Amino acid sequence: CSFGGYHAANFAFKHPEKVAHLFTMGGAFDIKMF
């Protein structure tokens, strides 16, 4: 959830061979703000 959605999405999209399901809830996905 929230920034946890970033962690989940980043891992899934970097390593899709390891991931079968990605669920984000209220996620943010652009870390250039930091």
Full PDB file with SEQRES, HELIX, SHEET, SSBOND, CRYST1, ORIGX, SCALE, CONECT and MASTER records, all heavy atoms in Angstrom:
SEQRES   1 A   34  CYS SER PHE GLY GLY TYR HIS ALA ALA ASN PHE ALA PHE          
SEQRES   2 A   34  LYS HIS PRO GLU LYS VAL ALA HIS LEU PHE THR MET GLY          
SEQRES   3 A   34  GLY ALA PHE ASP ILE LYS MET PHE                              
HELIX    1 AA1 PHE A    3  LYS A   14  1                                  12    
HELIX    2 AA2 PRO A   16  LYS A   18  5                                   3    
HELIX    3 AA3 ILE A   31  MET A   33  5                                   3    
CRYST1    1.000    1.000    1.000  90.00  90.00  90.00 P 1           1          
ORIGX1      1.000000  0.000000  0.000000        0.00000                         
ORIGX2      0.000000  1.000000  0.000000        0.00000                         
ORIGX3      0.000000  0.000000  1.000000        0.00000                         
SCALE1      1.000000  0.000000  0.000000        0.00000                         
SCALE2      0.000000  1.000000  0.000000        0.00000                         
SCALE3      0.000000  0.000000  1.000000        0.00000                         
ATOM      1  N   CYS A   1       0.846  -1.196   0.000  1.00  0.00           N  
ATOM      2  CA  CYS A   1       0.000   0.000   0.000  1.00  0.00           C  
ATOM      3  C   CYS A   1       0.882   1.247   0.000  1.00  0.00           C  
ATOM      4  O   CYS A   1       1.969   1.250   0.577  1.00  0.00           O  
ATOM      5  CB  CYS A   1      -0.885   0.035   1.248  1.00  0.00           C  
ATOM      6  SG  CYS A   1      -1.943  -1.408   1.469  1.00  0.00           S  
ATOM      7  N   SER A   2       0.408   2.315  -0.650  1.00  0.00           N  
ATOM      8  CA  SER A   2       1.104   3.589  -0.689  1.00  0.00           C  
ATOM      9  C   SER A   2       2.543   3.371  -1.191  1.00  0.00           C  
ATOM     10  O   SER A   2       2.736   2.769  -2.238  1.00  0.00           O  
ATOM     11  CB  SER A   2       1.062   4.241   0.697  1.00  0.00           C  
ATOM     12  OG  SER A   2       1.457   5.587   0.654  1.00  0.00           O  
ATOM     13  N   PHE A   3       3.574   3.812  -0.441  1.00  0.00           N  
ATOM     14  CA  PHE A   3       4.937   3.638  -0.934  1.00  0.00           C  
ATOM     15  C   PHE A   3       5.352   2.171  -0.974  1.00  0.00           C  
ATOM     16  O   PHE A   3       6.294   1.805  -1.678  1.00  0.00           O  
ATOM     17  CB  PHE A   3       5.927   4.449  -0.094  1.00  0.00           C  
ATOM     18  CG  PHE A   3       7.204   4.780  -0.824  1.00  0.00           C  
ATOM     19  CD1 PHE A   3       7.176   5.483  -2.018  1.00  0.00           C  
ATOM     20  CD2 PHE A   3       8.425   4.386  -0.321  1.00  0.00           C  
ATOM     21  CE1 PHE A   3       8.352   5.777  -2.705  1.00  0.00           C  
ATOM     22  CE2 PHE A   3       9.614   4.682  -0.991  1.00  0.00           C  
ATOM     23  CZ  PHE A   3       9.570   5.378  -2.184  1.00  0.00           C  
ATOM     24  N   GLY A   4       4.637   1.328  -0.230  1.00  0.00           N  
ATOM     25  CA  GLY A   4       4.859  -0.107  -0.368  1.00  0.00           C  
ATOM     26  C   GLY A   4       4.522  -0.598  -1.760  1.00  0.00           C  
ATOM     27  O   GLY A   4       5.092  -1.579  -2.241  1.00  0.00           O  
ATOM     28  N   GLY A   5       3.582   0.098  -2.409  1.00  0.00           N  
ATOM     29  CA  GLY A   5       3.260  -0.230  -3.788  1.00  0.00           C  
ATOM     30  C   GLY A   5       4.418   0.035  -4.725  1.00  0.00           C  
ATOM     31  O   GLY A   5       4.609  -0.677  -5.716  1.00  0.00           O  
ATOM     32  N   TYR A   6       5.213   1.081  -4.418  1.00  0.00           N  
ATOM     33  CA  TYR A   6       6.426   1.330  -5.219  1.00  0.00           C  
ATOM     34  C   TYR A   6       7.397   0.156  -5.096  1.00  0.00           C  
ATOM     35  O   TYR A   6       7.925  -0.337  -6.104  1.00  0.00           O  
ATOM     36  CB  TYR A   6       7.120   2.621  -4.778  1.00  0.00           C  
ATOM     37  CG  TYR A   6       8.583   2.637  -5.172  1.00  0.00           C  
ATOM     38  CD1 TYR A   6       8.955   2.841  -6.497  1.00  0.00           C  
ATOM     39  CD2 TYR A   6       9.582   2.375  -4.235  1.00  0.00           C  
ATOM     40  CE1 TYR A   6      10.295   2.798  -6.881  1.00  0.00           C  
ATOM     41  CE2 TYR A   6      10.918   2.337  -4.602  1.00  0.00           C  
ATOM     42  CZ  TYR A   6      11.272   2.552  -5.924  1.00  0.00           C  
ATOM     43  OH  TYR A   6      12.595   2.501  -6.299  1.00  0.00           O  
ATOM     44  N   HIS A   7       7.657  -0.280  -3.855  1.00  0.00           N  
ATOM     45  CA  HIS A   7       8.602  -1.392  -3.662  1.00  0.00           C  
ATOM     46  C   HIS A   7       8.148  -2.628  -4.436  1.00  0.00           C  
ATOM     47  O   HIS A   7       8.954  -3.298  -5.090  1.00  0.00           O  
ATOM     48  CB  HIS A   7       8.719  -1.730  -2.175  1.00  0.00           C  
ATOM     49  CG  HIS A   7       9.248  -0.630  -1.328  1.00  0.00           C  
ATOM     50  ND1 HIS A   7      10.478  -0.051  -1.536  1.00  0.00           N  
ATOM     51  CD2 HIS A   7       8.725   0.016  -0.250  1.00  0.00           C  
ATOM     52  CE1 HIS A   7      10.695   0.896  -0.627  1.00  0.00           C  
ATOM     53  NE2 HIS A   7       9.643   0.947   0.156  1.00  0.00           N  
ATOM     54  N   ALA A   8       6.851  -2.916  -4.358  1.00  0.00           N  
ATOM     55  CA  ALA A   8       6.319  -4.091  -5.045  1.00  0.00           C  
ATOM     56  C   ALA A   8       6.445  -3.961  -6.554  1.00  0.00           C  
ATOM     57  O   ALA A   8       6.896  -4.884  -7.244  1.00  0.00           O  
ATOM     58  CB  ALA A   8       4.854  -4.298  -4.647  1.00  0.00           C  
ATOM     59  N   ALA A   9       6.050  -2.802  -7.083  1.00  0.00           N  
ATOM     60  CA  ALA A   9       6.083  -2.607  -8.539  1.00  0.00           C  
ATOM     61  C   ALA A   9       7.517  -2.616  -9.059  1.00  0.00           C  
ATOM     62  O   ALA A   9       7.808  -3.201 -10.110  1.00  0.00           O  
ATOM     63  CB  ALA A   9       5.396  -1.293  -8.905  1.00  0.00           C  
ATOM     64  N   ASN A  10       8.427  -1.976  -8.348  1.00  0.00           N  
ATOM     65  CA  ASN A  10       9.807  -1.928  -8.811  1.00  0.00           C  
ATOM     66  C   ASN A  10      10.405  -3.329  -8.865  1.00  0.00           C  
ATOM     67  O   ASN A  10      11.077  -3.696  -9.842  1.00  0.00           O  
ATOM     68  CB  ASN A  10      10.649  -1.036  -7.901  1.00  0.00           C  
ATOM     69  CG  ASN A  10      12.041  -0.799  -8.445  1.00  0.00           C  
ATOM     70  OD1 ASN A  10      12.214  -0.338  -9.569  1.00  0.00           O  
ATOM     71  ND2 ASN A  10      13.053  -1.117  -7.651  1.00  0.00           N  
ATOM     72  N   PHE A  11      10.142  -4.137  -7.833  1.00  0.00           N  
ATOM     73  CA  PHE A  11      10.679  -5.494  -7.849  1.00  0.00           C  
ATOM     74  C   PHE A  11      10.063  -6.308  -8.985  1.00  0.00           C  
ATOM     75  O   PHE A  11      10.766  -7.032  -9.696  1.00  0.00           O  
ATOM     76  CB  PHE A  11      10.440  -6.191  -6.510  1.00  0.00           C  
ATOM     77  CG  PHE A  11      11.095  -7.542  -6.435  1.00  0.00           C  
ATOM     78  CD1 PHE A  11      12.446  -7.651  -6.148  1.00  0.00           C  
ATOM     79  CD2 PHE A  11      10.380  -8.707  -6.676  1.00  0.00           C  
ATOM     80  CE1 PHE A  11      13.077  -8.888  -6.098  1.00  0.00           C  
ATOM     81  CE2 PHE A  11      10.985  -9.944  -6.630  1.00  0.00           C  
ATOM     82  CZ  PHE A  11      12.344 -10.037  -6.343  1.00  0.00           C  
ATOM     83  N   ALA A  12       8.750  -6.180  -9.178  1.00  0.00           N  
ATOM     84  CA  ALA A  12       8.081  -6.963 -10.219  1.00  0.00           C  
ATOM     85  C   ALA A  12       8.573  -6.585 -11.610  1.00  0.00           C  
ATOM     86  O   ALA A  12       8.823  -7.462 -12.451  1.00  0.00           O  
ATOM     87  CB  ALA A  12       6.570  -6.765 -10.123  1.00  0.00           C  
ATOM     88  N   PHE A  13       8.718  -5.306 -11.879  1.00  0.00           N  
ATOM     89  CA  PHE A  13       9.083  -4.876 -13.224  1.00  0.00           C  
ATOM     90  C   PHE A  13      10.572  -5.050 -13.502  1.00  0.00           C  
ATOM     91  O   PHE A  13      10.972  -5.233 -14.657  1.00  0.00           O  
ATOM     92  CB  PHE A  13       8.665  -3.416 -13.440  1.00  0.00           C  
ATOM     93  CG  PHE A  13       7.173  -3.217 -13.416  1.00  0.00           C  
ATOM     94  CD1 PHE A  13       6.617  -2.109 -12.794  1.00  0.00           C  
ATOM     95  CD2 PHE A  13       6.326  -4.134 -14.002  1.00  0.00           C  
ATOM     96  CE1 PHE A  13       5.247  -1.915 -12.770  1.00  0.00           C  
ATOM     97  CE2 PHE A  13       4.943  -3.959 -13.987  1.00  0.00           C  
ATOM     98  CZ  PHE A  13       4.401  -2.850 -13.363  1.00  0.00           C  
ATOM     99  N   LYS A  14      11.409  -5.023 -12.472  1.00  0.00           N  
ATOM    100  CA  LYS A  14      12.842  -5.288 -12.664  1.00  0.00           C  
ATOM    101  C   LYS A  14      13.123  -6.777 -12.810  1.00  0.00           C  
ATOM    102  O   LYS A  14      14.025  -7.168 -13.550  1.00  0.00           O  
ATOM    103  CB  LYS A  14      13.652  -4.749 -11.473  1.00  0.00           C  
ATOM    104  CG  LYS A  14      13.831  -3.249 -11.451  1.00  0.00           C  
ATOM    105  CD  LYS A  14      14.744  -2.817 -10.319  1.00  0.00           C  
ATOM    106  CE  LYS A  14      16.186  -3.192 -10.568  1.00  0.00           C  
ATOM    107  NZ  LYS A  14      17.105  -2.621  -9.539  1.00  0.00           N  
ATOM    108  N   HIS A  15      12.353  -7.592 -12.105  1.00  0.00           N  
ATOM    109  CA  HIS A  15      12.625  -9.032 -12.053  1.00  0.00           C  
ATOM    110  C   HIS A  15      11.350  -9.821 -12.366  1.00  0.00           C  
ATOM    111  O   HIS A  15      10.909 -10.653 -11.556  1.00  0.00           O  
ATOM    112  CB  HIS A  15      13.148  -9.409 -10.669  1.00  0.00           C  
ATOM    113  CG  HIS A  15      14.236  -8.514 -10.161  1.00  0.00           C  
ATOM    114  ND1 HIS A  15      15.489  -8.475 -10.728  1.00  0.00           N  
ATOM    115  CD2 HIS A  15      14.243  -7.602  -9.143  1.00  0.00           C  
ATOM    116  CE1 HIS A  15      16.237  -7.585 -10.079  1.00  0.00           C  
ATOM    117  NE2 HIS A  15      15.508  -7.045  -9.128  1.00  0.00           N  
ATOM    118  N   PRO A  16      10.751  -9.601 -13.519  1.00  0.00           N  
ATOM    119  CA  PRO A  16       9.465 -10.261 -13.815  1.00  0.00           C  
ATOM    120  C   PRO A  16       9.565 -11.776 -13.904  1.00  0.00           C  
ATOM    121  O   PRO A  16       8.552 -12.460 -13.767  1.00  0.00           O  
ATOM    122  CB  PRO A  16       9.057  -9.648 -15.156  1.00  0.00           C  
ATOM    123  CG  PRO A  16      10.347  -9.203 -15.784  1.00  0.00           C  
ATOM    124  CD  PRO A  16      11.196  -8.740 -14.632  1.00  0.00           C  
ATOM    125  N   GLU A  17      10.774 -12.296 -14.115  1.00  0.00           N  
ATOM    126  CA  GLU A  17      10.940 -13.753 -14.154  1.00  0.00           C  
ATOM    127  C   GLU A  17      10.725 -14.381 -12.782  1.00  0.00           C  
ATOM    128  O   GLU A  17      10.523 -15.599 -12.669  1.00  0.00           O  
ATOM    129  CB  GLU A  17      12.328 -14.109 -14.674  1.00  0.00           C  
ATOM    130  CG  GLU A  17      13.481 -13.835 -13.738  1.00  0.00           C  
ATOM    131  CD  GLU A  17      13.885 -12.367 -13.636  1.00  0.00           C  
ATOM    132  OE1 GLU A  17      13.302 -11.534 -14.363  1.00  0.00           O  
ATOM    133  OE2 GLU A  17      14.783 -12.061 -12.827  1.00  0.00           O  
ATOM    134  N   LYS A  18      10.727 -13.552 -11.727  1.00  0.00           N  
ATOM    135  CA  LYS A  18      10.537 -14.045 -10.359  1.00  0.00           C  
ATOM    136  C   LYS A  18       9.124 -13.804  -9.834  1.00  0.00           C  
ATOM    137  O   LYS A  18       8.797 -14.254  -8.730  1.00  0.00           O  
ATOM    138  CB  LYS A  18      11.526 -13.354  -9.404  1.00  0.00           C  
ATOM    139  CG  LYS A  18      12.992 -13.496  -9.774  1.00  0.00           C  
ATOM    140  CD  LYS A  18      13.465 -14.936  -9.652  1.00  0.00           C  
ATOM    141  CE  LYS A  18      14.969 -15.036  -9.906  1.00  0.00           C  
ATOM    142  NZ  LYS A  18      15.440 -16.441  -9.853  1.00  0.00           N  
ATOM    143  N   VAL A  19       8.289 -13.072 -10.583  1.00  0.00           N  
ATOM    144  CA  VAL A  19       7.023 -12.573 -10.051  1.00  0.00           C  
ATOM    145  C   VAL A  19       5.843 -13.052 -10.897  1.00  0.00           C  
ATOM    146  O   VAL A  19       5.851 -12.908 -12.120  1.00  0.00           O  
ATOM    147  CB  VAL A  19       7.030 -11.030  -9.982  1.00  0.00           C  
ATOM    148  CG1 VAL A  19       5.682 -10.500  -9.496  1.00  0.00           C  
ATOM    149  CG2 VAL A  19       8.148 -10.549  -9.064  1.00  0.00           C  
ATOM    150  N   ALA A  20       4.838 -13.592 -10.222  1.00  0.00           N  
ATOM    151  CA  ALA A  20       3.620 -14.031 -10.907  1.00  0.00           C  
ATOM    152  C   ALA A  20       2.465 -13.053 -10.724  1.00  0.00           C  
ATOM    153  O   ALA A  20       1.584 -12.960 -11.586  1.00  0.00           O  
ATOM    154  CB  ALA A  20       3.198 -15.404 -10.406  1.00  0.00           C  
ATOM    155  N   HIS A  21       2.446 -12.321  -9.600  1.00  0.00           N  
ATOM    156  CA  HIS A  21       1.339 -11.414  -9.293  1.00  0.00           C  
ATOM    157  C   HIS A  21       1.890 -10.120  -8.692  1.00  0.00           C  
ATOM    158  O   HIS A  21       2.795 -10.159  -7.856  1.00  0.00           O  
ATOM    159  CB  HIS A  21       0.369 -12.048  -8.296  1.00  0.00           C  
ATOM    160  CG  HIS A  21      -0.155 -13.384  -8.715  1.00  0.00           C  
ATOM    161  ND1 HIS A  21      -1.258 -13.533  -9.530  1.00  0.00           N  
ATOM    162  CD2 HIS A  21       0.287 -14.641  -8.444  1.00  0.00           C  
ATOM    163  CE1 HIS A  21      -1.484 -14.820  -9.729  1.00  0.00           C  
ATOM    164  NE2 HIS A  21      -0.554 -15.513  -9.092  1.00  0.00           N  
ATOM    165  N   LEU A  22       1.306  -8.998  -9.107  1.00  0.00           N  
ATOM    166  CA  LEU A  22       1.637  -7.695  -8.554  1.00  0.00           C  
ATOM    167  C   LEU A  22       0.345  -6.999  -8.160  1.00  0.00           C  
ATOM    168  O   LEU A  22      -0.524  -6.763  -9.003  1.00  0.00           O  
ATOM    169  CB  LEU A  22       2.395  -6.843  -9.588  1.00  0.00           C  
ATOM    170  CG  LEU A  22       2.518  -5.340  -9.275  1.00  0.00           C  
ATOM    171  CD1 LEU A  22       3.315  -5.101  -7.988  1.00  0.00           C  
ATOM    172  CD2 LEU A  22       3.156  -4.601 -10.456  1.00  0.00           C  
ATOM    173  N   PHE A  23       0.215  -6.657  -6.871  1.00  0.00           N  
ATOM    174  CA  PHE A  23      -0.954  -5.951  -6.375  1.00  0.00           C  
ATOM    175  C   PHE A  23      -0.499  -4.680  -5.662  1.00  0.00           C  
ATOM    176  O   PHE A  23       0.230  -4.759  -4.668  1.00  0.00           O  
ATOM    177  CB  PHE A  23      -1.743  -6.807  -5.376  1.00  0.00           C  
ATOM    178  CG  PHE A  23      -2.080  -8.184  -5.881  1.00  0.00           C  
ATOM    179  CD1 PHE A  23      -1.827  -9.305  -5.082  1.00  0.00           C  
ATOM    180  CD2 PHE A  23      -2.644  -8.379  -7.125  1.00  0.00           C  
ATOM    181  CE1 PHE A  23      -2.145 -10.583  -5.524  1.00  0.00           C  
ATOM    182  CE2 PHE A  23      -2.956  -9.654  -7.588  1.00  0.00           C  
ATOM    183  CZ  PHE A  23      -2.700 -10.759  -6.780  1.00  0.00           C  
ATOM    184  N   THR A  24      -0.901  -3.523  -6.169  1.00  0.00           N  
ATOM    185  CA  THR A  24      -0.579  -2.268  -5.489  1.00  0.00           C  
ATOM    186  C   THR A  24      -1.871  -1.585  -5.078  1.00  0.00           C  
ATOM    187  O   THR A  24      -2.881  -1.652  -5.777  1.00  0.00           O  
ATOM    188  CB  THR A  24       0.251  -1.329  -6.366  1.00  0.00           C  
ATOM    189  OG1 THR A  24      -0.539  -0.877  -7.487  1.00  0.00           O  
ATOM    190  CG2 THR A  24       1.509  -2.025  -6.877  1.00  0.00           C  
ATOM    191  N   MET A  25      -1.836  -0.899  -3.943  1.00  0.00           N  
ATOM    192  CA  MET A  25      -3.006  -0.216  -3.404  1.00  0.00           C  
ATOM    193  C   MET A  25      -2.589   1.193  -3.010  1.00  0.00           C  
ATOM    194  O   MET A  25      -1.830   1.383  -2.062  1.00  0.00           O  
ATOM    195  CB  MET A  25      -3.549  -0.992  -2.202  1.00  0.00           C  
ATOM    196  CG  MET A  25      -4.075  -2.381  -2.576  1.00  0.00           C  
ATOM    197  SD  MET A  25      -4.001  -3.605  -1.250  1.00  0.00           S  
ATOM    198  CE  MET A  25      -2.278  -4.117  -1.352  1.00  0.00           C  
ATOM    199  N   GLY A  26      -3.035   2.171  -3.785  1.00  0.00           N  
ATOM    200  CA  GLY A  26      -2.632   3.552  -3.520  1.00  0.00           C  
ATOM    201  C   GLY A  26      -1.160   3.788  -3.758  1.00  0.00           C  
ATOM    202  O   GLY A  26      -0.543   4.612  -3.080  1.00  0.00           O  
ATOM    203  N   GLY A  27      -0.568   3.084  -4.708  1.00  0.00           N  
ATOM    204  CA  GLY A  27       0.871   3.158  -4.940  1.00  0.00           C  
ATOM    205  C   GLY A  27       1.307   4.424  -5.653  1.00  0.00           C  
ATOM    206  O   GLY A  27       0.526   5.087  -6.343  1.00  0.00           O  
ATOM    207  N   ALA A  28       2.577   4.770  -5.456  1.00  0.00           N  
ATOM    208  CA  ALA A  28       3.245   5.840  -6.211  1.00  0.00           C  
ATOM    209  C   ALA A  28       4.494   5.222  -6.813  1.00  0.00           C  
ATOM    210  O   ALA A  28       5.180   4.439  -6.162  1.00  0.00           O  
ATOM    211  CB  ALA A  28       3.610   7.004  -5.293  1.00  0.00           C  
ATOM    212  N   PHE A  29       4.823   5.593  -8.061  1.00  0.00           N  
ATOM    213  CA  PHE A  29       5.817   4.818  -8.798  1.00  0.00           C  
ATOM    214  C   PHE A  29       6.955   5.636  -9.402  1.00  0.00           C  
ATOM    215  O   PHE A  29       7.777   5.089 -10.122  1.00  0.00           O  
ATOM    216  CB  PHE A  29       5.111   4.032  -9.916  1.00  0.00           C  
ATOM    217  CG  PHE A  29       3.891   3.295  -9.433  1.00  0.00           C  
ATOM    218  CD1 PHE A  29       2.629   3.765  -9.733  1.00  0.00           C  
ATOM    219  CD2 PHE A  29       4.025   2.167  -8.646  1.00  0.00           C  
ATOM    220  CE1 PHE A  29       1.494   3.101  -9.274  1.00  0.00           C  
ATOM    221  CE2 PHE A  29       2.904   1.493  -8.175  1.00  0.00           C  
ATOM    222  CZ  PHE A  29       1.631   1.964  -8.490  1.00  0.00           C  
ATOM    223  N   ASP A  30       7.020   6.922  -9.114  1.00  0.00           N  
ATOM    224  CA  ASP A  30       8.078   7.778  -9.658  1.00  0.00           C  
ATOM    225  C   ASP A  30       8.879   8.347  -8.504  1.00  0.00           C  
ATOM    226  O   ASP A  30       8.384   9.177  -7.736  1.00  0.00           O  
ATOM    227  CB  ASP A  30       7.452   8.911 -10.480  1.00  0.00           C  
ATOM    228  CG  ASP A  30       8.491   9.709 -11.271  1.00  0.00           C  
ATOM    229  OD1 ASP A  30       9.695   9.596 -10.949  1.00  0.00           O  
ATOM    230  OD2 ASP A  30       8.098  10.436 -12.192  1.00  0.00           O  
ATOM    231  N   ILE A  31      10.140   7.908  -8.359  1.00  0.00           N  
ATOM    232  CA  ILE A  31      10.933   8.326  -7.204  1.00  0.00           C  
ATOM    233  C   ILE A  31      11.811   9.552  -7.496  1.00  0.00           C  
ATOM    234  O   ILE A  31      12.599   9.953  -6.643  1.00  0.00           O  
ATOM    235  CB  ILE A  31      11.789   7.156  -6.650  1.00  0.00           C  
ATOM    236  CG1 ILE A  31      12.544   6.398  -7.740  1.00  0.00           C  
ATOM    237  CG2 ILE A  31      10.909   6.172  -5.898  1.00  0.00           C  
ATOM    238  CD1 ILE A  31      13.816   7.041  -8.147  1.00  0.00           C  
ATOM    239  N   LYS A  32      11.662  10.164  -8.668  1.00  0.00           N  
ATOM    240  CA  LYS A  32      12.485  11.352  -8.952  1.00  0.00           C  
ATOM    241  C   LYS A  32      12.180  12.494  -7.984  1.00  0.00           C  
ATOM    242  O   LYS A  32      13.001  13.382  -7.805  1.00  0.00           O  
ATOM    243  CB  LYS A  32      12.292  11.801 -10.404  1.00  0.00           C  
ATOM    244  CG  LYS A  32      12.923  10.842 -11.423  1.00  0.00           C  
ATOM    245  CD  LYS A  32      13.004  11.456 -12.813  1.00  0.00           C  
ATOM    246  CE  LYS A  32      11.659  11.664 -13.461  1.00  0.00           C  
ATOM    247  NZ  LYS A  32      10.968  10.370 -13.762  1.00  0.00           N  
ATOM    248  N   MET A  33      11.014  12.469  -7.352  1.00  0.00           N  
ATOM    249  CA  MET A  33      10.679  13.497  -6.363  1.00  0.00           C  
ATOM    250  C   MET A  33      11.598  13.430  -5.140  1.00  0.00           C  
ATOM    251  O   MET A  33      11.662  14.380  -4.355  1.00  0.00           O  
ATOM    252  CB  MET A  33       9.221  13.351  -5.920  1.00  0.00           C  
ATOM    253  CG  MET A  33       8.944  12.121  -5.084  1.00  0.00           C  
ATOM    254  SD  MET A  33       7.206  11.960  -4.604  1.00  0.00           S  
ATOM    255  CE  MET A  33       6.565  11.121  -6.055  1.00  0.00           C  
ATOM    256  N   PHE A  34      12.314  12.304  -4.977  1.00  0.00           N  
ATOM    257  CA  PHE A  34      13.179  12.129  -3.804  1.00  0.00           C  
ATOM    258  C   PHE A  34      14.658  12.334  -4.122  1.00  0.00           C  
ATOM    259  O   PHE A  34      15.502  12.091  -3.255  1.00  0.00           O  
ATOM    260  CB  PHE A  34      12.996  10.712  -3.247  1.00  0.00           C  
ATOM    261  CG  PHE A  34      11.593  10.394  -2.838  1.00  0.00           C  
ATOM    262  CD1 PHE A  34      10.815   9.532  -3.600  1.00  0.00           C  
ATOM    263  CD2 PHE A  34      11.036  10.952  -1.699  1.00  0.00           C  
ATOM    264  CE1 PHE A  34       9.518   9.235  -3.241  1.00  0.00           C  
ATOM    265  CE2 PHE A  34       9.735  10.661  -1.319  1.00  0.00           C  
ATOM    266  CZ  PHE A  34       8.970   9.808  -2.085  1.00  0.00           C  
TER     267      PHE A  34                                                      
MASTER        0    0    0    3    0    0    0    6  266    1    0    3          
END                                                                             
